[in-house]
PDB file of all heavy atoms in Angstrom:
ATOM      1  N   GLY A   1      -6.519  12.594 -12.154  1.00  0.00           N
ATOM      2  CA  GLY A   1      -6.536  11.300 -11.478  1.00  0.00           C
ATOM      3  C   GLY A   1      -7.299  10.255 -12.273  1.00  0.00           C
ATOM      4  O   GLY A   1      -6.891   9.087 -12.349  1.00  0.00           O
ATOM      5  N   GLU A   2      -8.397  10.672 -12.872  1.00  0.00           N
ATOM      6  CA  GLU A   2      -9.189   9.742 -13.681  1.00  0.00           C
ATOM      7  C   GLU A   2      -8.437   9.318 -14.935  1.00  0.00           C
ATOM      8  O   GLU A   2      -8.531   8.162 -15.361  1.00  0.00           O
ATOM      9  CB  GLU A   2     -10.530  10.384 -14.019  1.00  0.00           C
ATOM     10  CG  GLU A   2     -11.387  10.571 -12.782  1.00  0.00           C
ATOM     11  CD  GLU A   2     -12.377  11.707 -12.867  1.00  0.00           C
ATOM     12  OE1 GLU A   2     -12.426  12.398 -13.922  1.00  0.00           O
ATOM     13  OE2 GLU A   2     -13.114  11.924 -11.885  1.00  0.00           O
ATOM     14  N   ALA A   3      -7.679  10.237 -15.518  1.00  0.00           N
ATOM     15  CA  ALA A   3      -6.876   9.897 -16.694  1.00  0.00           C
ATOM     16  C   ALA A   3      -5.788   8.885 -16.332  1.00  0.00           C
ATOM     17  O   ALA A   3      -5.537   7.934 -17.085  1.00  0.00           O
ATOM     18  CB  ALA A   3      -6.259  11.151 -17.288  1.00  0.00           C
ATOM     19  N   ILE A   4      -5.171   9.074 -15.178  1.00  0.00           N
ATOM     20  CA  ILE A   4      -4.140   8.132 -14.718  1.00  0.00           C
ATOM     21  C   ILE A   4      -4.761   6.761 -14.478  1.00  0.00           C
ATOM     22  O   ILE A   4      -4.195   5.728 -14.854  1.00  0.00           O
ATOM     23  CB  ILE A   4      -3.438   8.671 -13.459  1.00  0.00           C
ATOM     24  CG1 ILE A   4      -2.595   9.889 -13.826  1.00  0.00           C
ATOM     25  CG2 ILE A   4      -2.594   7.594 -12.793  1.00  0.00           C
ATOM     26  CD1 ILE A   4      -2.052  10.654 -12.639  1.00  0.00           C
ATOM     27  N   LEU A   5      -5.943   6.732 -13.869  1.00  0.00           N
ATOM     28  CA  LEU A   5      -6.649   5.468 -13.627  1.00  0.00           C
ATOM     29  C   LEU A   5      -6.973   4.777 -14.951  1.00  0.00           C
ATOM     30  O   LEU A   5      -6.791   3.558 -15.084  1.00  0.00           O
ATOM     31  CB  LEU A   5      -7.920   5.718 -12.818  1.00  0.00           C
ATOM     32  CG  LEU A   5      -8.773   4.498 -12.483  1.00  0.00           C
ATOM     33  CD1 LEU A   5      -8.006   3.551 -11.566  1.00  0.00           C
ATOM     34  CD2 LEU A   5     -10.076   4.937 -11.820  1.00  0.00           C
ATOM     35  N   ALA A   6      -7.427   5.540 -15.940  1.00  0.00           N
ATOM     36  CA  ALA A   6      -7.758   4.966 -17.246  1.00  0.00           C
ATOM     37  C   ALA A   6      -6.515   4.406 -17.932  1.00  0.00           C
ATOM     38  O   ALA A   6      -6.558   3.302 -18.490  1.00  0.00           O
ATOM     39  CB  ALA A   6      -8.421   6.023 -18.127  1.00  0.00           C
ATOM     40  N   LEU A   7      -5.410   5.141 -17.890  1.00  0.00           N
ATOM     41  CA  LEU A   7      -4.172   4.661 -18.515  1.00  0.00           C
ATOM     42  C   LEU A   7      -3.640   3.415 -17.819  1.00  0.00           C
ATOM     43  O   LEU A   7      -3.150   2.495 -18.478  1.00  0.00           O
ATOM     44  CB  LEU A   7      -3.122   5.768 -18.525  1.00  0.00           C
ATOM     45  CG  LEU A   7      -3.398   6.926 -19.473  1.00  0.00           C
ATOM     46  CD1 LEU A   7      -2.361   8.036 -19.279  1.00  0.00           C
ATOM     47  CD2 LEU A   7      -3.399   6.451 -20.915  1.00  0.00           C
ATOM     48  N   ALA A   8      -3.738   3.375 -16.504  1.00  0.00           N
ATOM     49  CA  ALA A   8      -3.314   2.176 -15.772  1.00  0.00           C
ATOM     50  C   ALA A   8      -4.192   0.992 -16.159  1.00  0.00           C
ATOM     51  O   ALA A   8      -3.699  -0.129 -16.358  1.00  0.00           O
ATOM     52  CB  ALA A   8      -3.376   2.426 -14.269  1.00  0.00           C
ATOM     53  N   GLY A   9      -5.479   1.236 -16.278  1.00  0.00           N
ATOM     54  CA  GLY A   9      -6.393   0.167 -16.683  1.00  0.00           C
ATOM     55  C   GLY A   9      -6.066  -0.364 -18.067  1.00  0.00           C
ATOM     56  O   GLY A   9      -6.077  -1.581 -18.295  1.00  0.00           O
ATOM     57  N   LEU A  10      -5.776   0.530 -18.991  1.00  0.00           N
ATOM     58  CA  LEU A  10      -5.404   0.096 -20.339  1.00  0.00           C
ATOM     59  C   LEU A  10      -4.088  -0.678 -20.334  1.00  0.00           C
ATOM     60  O   LEU A  10      -3.934  -1.666 -21.057  1.00  0.00           O
ATOM     61  CB  LEU A  10      -5.304   1.305 -21.270  1.00  0.00           C
ATOM     62  CG  LEU A  10      -6.628   1.967 -21.647  1.00  0.00           C
ATOM     63  CD1 LEU A  10      -6.364   3.227 -22.468  1.00  0.00           C
ATOM     64  CD2 LEU A  10      -7.521   1.005 -22.412  1.00  0.00           C
ATOM     65  N   THR A  11      -3.148  -0.237 -19.504  1.00  0.00           N
ATOM     66  CA  THR A  11      -1.866  -0.938 -19.397  1.00  0.00           C
ATOM     67  C   THR A  11      -2.059  -2.339 -18.833  1.00  0.00           C
ATOM     68  O   THR A  11      -1.506  -3.320 -19.357  1.00  0.00           O
ATOM     69  CB  THR A  11      -0.896  -0.145 -18.507  1.00  0.00           C
ATOM     70  OG1 THR A  11      -0.710   1.154 -19.079  1.00  0.00           O
ATOM     71  CG2 THR A  11       0.445  -0.845 -18.380  1.00  0.00           C
ATOM     72  N   PHE A  12      -2.847  -2.461 -17.776  1.00  0.00           N
ATOM     73  CA  PHE A  12      -3.110  -3.780 -17.178  1.00  0.00           C
ATOM     74  C   PHE A  12      -3.806  -4.697 -18.184  1.00  0.00           C
ATOM     75  O   PHE A  12      -3.489  -5.881 -18.286  1.00  0.00           O
ATOM     76  CB  PHE A  12      -3.961  -3.646 -15.929  1.00  0.00           C
ATOM     77  CG  PHE A  12      -3.258  -3.053 -14.739  1.00  0.00           C
ATOM     78  CD1 PHE A  12      -1.960  -2.604 -14.797  1.00  0.00           C
ATOM     79  CD2 PHE A  12      -3.922  -2.929 -13.534  1.00  0.00           C
ATOM     80  CE1 PHE A  12      -1.331  -2.057 -13.708  1.00  0.00           C
ATOM     81  CE2 PHE A  12      -3.302  -2.391 -12.422  1.00  0.00           C
ATOM     82  CZ  PHE A  12      -2.001  -1.958 -12.503  1.00  0.00           C
ATOM     83  N   THR A  13      -4.761  -4.147 -18.926  1.00  0.00           N
ATOM     84  CA  THR A  13      -5.473  -4.941 -19.926  1.00  0.00           C
ATOM     85  C   THR A  13      -4.523  -5.418 -21.015  1.00  0.00           C
ATOM     86  O   THR A  13      -4.553  -6.588 -21.408  1.00  0.00           O
ATOM     87  CB  THR A  13      -6.627  -4.124 -20.543  1.00  0.00           C
ATOM     88  OG1 THR A  13      -7.522  -3.733 -19.494  1.00  0.00           O
ATOM     89  CG2 THR A  13      -7.388  -4.932 -21.574  1.00  0.00           C
ATOM     90  N   ALA A  14      -3.665  -4.535 -21.491  1.00  0.00           N
ATOM     91  CA  ALA A  14      -2.699  -4.911 -22.535  1.00  0.00           C
ATOM     92  C   ALA A  14      -1.767  -6.003 -22.041  1.00  0.00           C
ATOM     93  O   ALA A  14      -1.462  -6.955 -22.775  1.00  0.00           O
ATOM     94  CB  ALA A  14      -1.904  -3.686 -22.980  1.00  0.00           C
ATOM     95  N   GLN A  15      -1.327  -5.901 -20.807  1.00  0.00           N
ATOM     96  CA  GLN A  15      -0.445  -6.936 -20.267  1.00  0.00           C
ATOM     97  C   GLN A  15      -1.190  -8.254 -20.114  1.00  0.00           C
ATOM     98  O   GLN A  15      -0.655  -9.318 -20.423  1.00  0.00           O
ATOM     99  CB  GLN A  15       0.138  -6.491 -18.933  1.00  0.00           C
ATOM    100  CG  GLN A  15       1.210  -5.448 -19.076  1.00  0.00           C
ATOM    101  CD  GLN A  15       1.818  -5.060 -17.750  1.00  0.00           C
ATOM    102  OE1 GLN A  15       1.119  -4.866 -16.767  1.00  0.00           O
ATOM    103  NE2 GLN A  15       3.128  -4.946 -17.730  1.00  0.00           N
ATOM    104  N   GLY A  16      -2.407  -8.192 -19.646  1.00  0.00           N
ATOM    105  CA  GLY A  16      -3.192  -9.412 -19.490  1.00  0.00           C
ATOM    106  C   GLY A  16      -3.448 -10.100 -20.819  1.00  0.00           C
ATOM    107  O   GLY A  16      -3.515 -11.331 -20.891  1.00  0.00           O
ATOM    108  N   LEU A  17      -3.600  -9.310 -21.874  1.00  0.00           N
ATOM    109  CA  LEU A  17      -3.810  -9.870 -23.210  1.00  0.00           C
ATOM    110  C   LEU A  17      -2.511 -10.354 -23.853  1.00  0.00           C
ATOM    111  O   LEU A  17      -2.533 -10.978 -24.904  1.00  0.00           O
ATOM    112  CB  LEU A  17      -4.468  -8.829 -24.114  1.00  0.00           C
ATOM    113  CG  LEU A  17      -5.913  -8.480 -23.785  1.00  0.00           C
ATOM    114  CD1 LEU A  17      -6.374  -7.292 -24.612  1.00  0.00           C
ATOM    115  CD2 LEU A  17      -6.812  -9.687 -24.018  1.00  0.00           C
ATOM    116  N   GLY A  18      -1.386 -10.038 -23.241  1.00  0.00           N
ATOM    117  CA  GLY A  18      -0.095 -10.460 -23.775  1.00  0.00           C
ATOM    118  C   GLY A  18       0.432  -9.551 -24.862  1.00  0.00           C
ATOM    119  O   GLY A  18       1.289  -9.956 -25.650  1.00  0.00           O
ATOM    120  N   LEU A  19      -0.054  -8.327 -24.927  1.00  0.00           N
ATOM    121  CA  LEU A  19       0.395  -7.391 -25.948  1.00  0.00           C
ATOM    122  C   LEU A  19       1.744  -6.765 -25.615  1.00  0.00           C
ATOM    123  O   LEU A  19       2.327  -6.081 -26.457  1.00  0.00           O
ATOM    124  CB  LEU A  19      -0.656  -6.286 -26.143  1.00  0.00           C
ATOM    125  CG  LEU A  19      -2.043  -6.760 -26.570  1.00  0.00           C
ATOM    126  CD1 LEU A  19      -3.000  -5.582 -26.618  1.00  0.00           C
ATOM    127  CD2 LEU A  19      -1.975  -7.471 -27.902  1.00  0.00           C
ATOM    128  N   THR A  20       2.230  -6.998 -24.403  1.00  0.00           N
ATOM    129  CA  THR A  20       3.491  -6.400 -23.961  1.00  0.00           C
ATOM    130  C   THR A  20       4.512  -7.491 -23.634  1.00  0.00           C
ATOM    131  O   THR A  20       5.233  -7.399 -22.650  1.00  0.00           O
ATOM    132  CB  THR A  20       3.263  -5.518 -22.724  1.00  0.00           C
ATOM    133  OG1 THR A  20       2.709  -6.326 -21.678  1.00  0.00           O
ATOM    134  CG2 THR A  20       2.320  -4.378 -23.025  1.00  0.00           C
ATOM    135  N   ARG A  21       4.570  -8.503 -24.472  1.00  0.00           N
ATOM    136  CA  ARG A  21       5.474  -9.631 -24.192  1.00  0.00           C
ATOM    137  C   ARG A  21       6.942  -9.243 -24.207  1.00  0.00           C
ATOM    138  O   ARG A  21       7.772  -9.933 -23.638  1.00  0.00           O
ATOM    139  CB  ARG A  21       5.227 -10.752 -25.185  1.00  0.00           C
ATOM    140  CG  ARG A  21       3.938 -11.473 -24.911  1.00  0.00           C
ATOM    141  CD  ARG A  21       3.861 -12.785 -25.670  1.00  0.00           C
ATOM    142  NE  ARG A  21       2.561 -13.384 -25.427  1.00  0.00           N
ATOM    143  CZ  ARG A  21       1.626 -13.511 -26.348  1.00  0.00           C
ATOM    144  NH1 ARG A  21       1.859 -13.102 -27.576  1.00  0.00           N
ATOM    145  NH2 ARG A  21       0.480 -14.061 -26.058  1.00  0.00           N
ATOM    146  N   SER A  22       7.274  -8.128 -24.853  1.00  0.00           N
ATOM    147  CA  SER A  22       8.672  -7.708 -24.893  1.00  0.00           C
ATOM    148  C   SER A  22       9.149  -7.244 -23.518  1.00  0.00           C
ATOM    149  O   SER A  22      10.342  -7.180 -23.262  1.00  0.00           O
ATOM    150  CB  SER A  22       8.872  -6.598 -25.922  1.00  0.00           C
ATOM    151  OG  SER A  22       8.100  -5.468 -25.569  1.00  0.00           O
ATOM    152  N   VAL A  23       8.208  -6.921 -22.646  1.00  0.00           N
ATOM    153  CA  VAL A  23       8.531  -6.517 -21.275  1.00  0.00           C
ATOM    154  C   VAL A  23       8.198  -7.690 -20.363  1.00  0.00           C
ATOM    155  O   VAL A  23       7.066  -8.176 -20.356  1.00  0.00           O
ATOM    156  CB  VAL A  23       7.702  -5.273 -20.858  1.00  0.00           C
ATOM    157  CG1 VAL A  23       8.000  -4.894 -19.433  1.00  0.00           C
ATOM    158  CG2 VAL A  23       7.947  -4.125 -21.803  1.00  0.00           C
ATOM    159  N   ARG A  24       9.167  -8.141 -19.613  1.00  0.00           N
ATOM    160  CA  ARG A  24       8.917  -9.271 -18.706  1.00  0.00           C
ATOM    161  C   ARG A  24       8.028  -8.826 -17.563  1.00  0.00           C
ATOM    162  O   ARG A  24       8.311  -7.849 -16.886  1.00  0.00           O
ATOM    163  CB  ARG A  24      10.230  -9.809 -18.155  1.00  0.00           C
ATOM    164  CG  ARG A  24      11.065 -10.485 -19.205  1.00  0.00           C
ATOM    165  CD  ARG A  24      12.227 -11.173 -18.585  1.00  0.00           C
ATOM    166  NE  ARG A  24      11.730 -12.019 -17.502  1.00  0.00           N
ATOM    167  CZ  ARG A  24      12.224 -13.187 -17.173  1.00  0.00           C
ATOM    168  NH1 ARG A  24      13.243 -13.639 -17.823  1.00  0.00           N
ATOM    169  NH2 ARG A  24      11.733 -13.889 -16.179  1.00  0.00           N
ATOM    170  N   SER A  25       6.944  -9.554 -17.374  1.00  0.00           N
ATOM    171  CA  SER A  25       6.004  -9.231 -16.306  1.00  0.00           C
ATOM    172  C   SER A  25       5.207 -10.475 -15.951  1.00  0.00           C
ATOM    173  O   SER A  25       4.868 -11.286 -16.821  1.00  0.00           O
ATOM    174  CB  SER A  25       5.045  -8.118 -16.757  1.00  0.00           C
ATOM    175  OG  SER A  25       4.038  -7.923 -15.801  1.00  0.00           O
ATOM    176  N   VAL A  26       4.897 -10.623 -14.676  1.00  0.00           N
ATOM    177  CA  VAL A  26       4.061 -11.741 -14.247  1.00  0.00           C
ATOM    178  C   VAL A  26       2.610 -11.526 -14.666  1.00  0.00           C
ATOM    179  O   VAL A  26       1.792 -12.433 -14.554  1.00  0.00           O
ATOM    180  CB  VAL A  26       4.143 -11.956 -12.719  1.00  0.00           C
ATOM    181  CG1 VAL A  26       5.546 -12.337 -12.305  1.00  0.00           C
ATOM    182  CG2 VAL A  26       3.671 -10.727 -11.972  1.00  0.00           C
ATOM    183  N   MET A  27       2.291 -10.330 -15.167  1.00  0.00           N
ATOM    184  CA  MET A  27       0.926 -10.015 -15.577  1.00  0.00           C
ATOM    185  C   MET A  27       0.647 -10.422 -17.024  1.00  0.00           C
ATOM    186  O   MET A  27      -0.510 -10.442 -17.440  1.00  0.00           O
ATOM    187  CB  MET A  27       0.668  -8.507 -15.406  1.00  0.00           C
ATOM    188  CG  MET A  27       0.699  -8.055 -13.973  1.00  0.00           C
ATOM    189  SD  MET A  27       0.768  -6.269 -13.760  1.00  0.00           S
ATOM    190  CE  MET A  27      -0.717  -5.728 -14.536  1.00  0.00           C
TER     191      MET A  27
END
């Protein structure tokens, strides 16, 4: 569960930084 939480956190951070612009997201 902690690993899933960490991966979700990294994903949210990457989206917030704009590192995932190839994927359309409001984040």
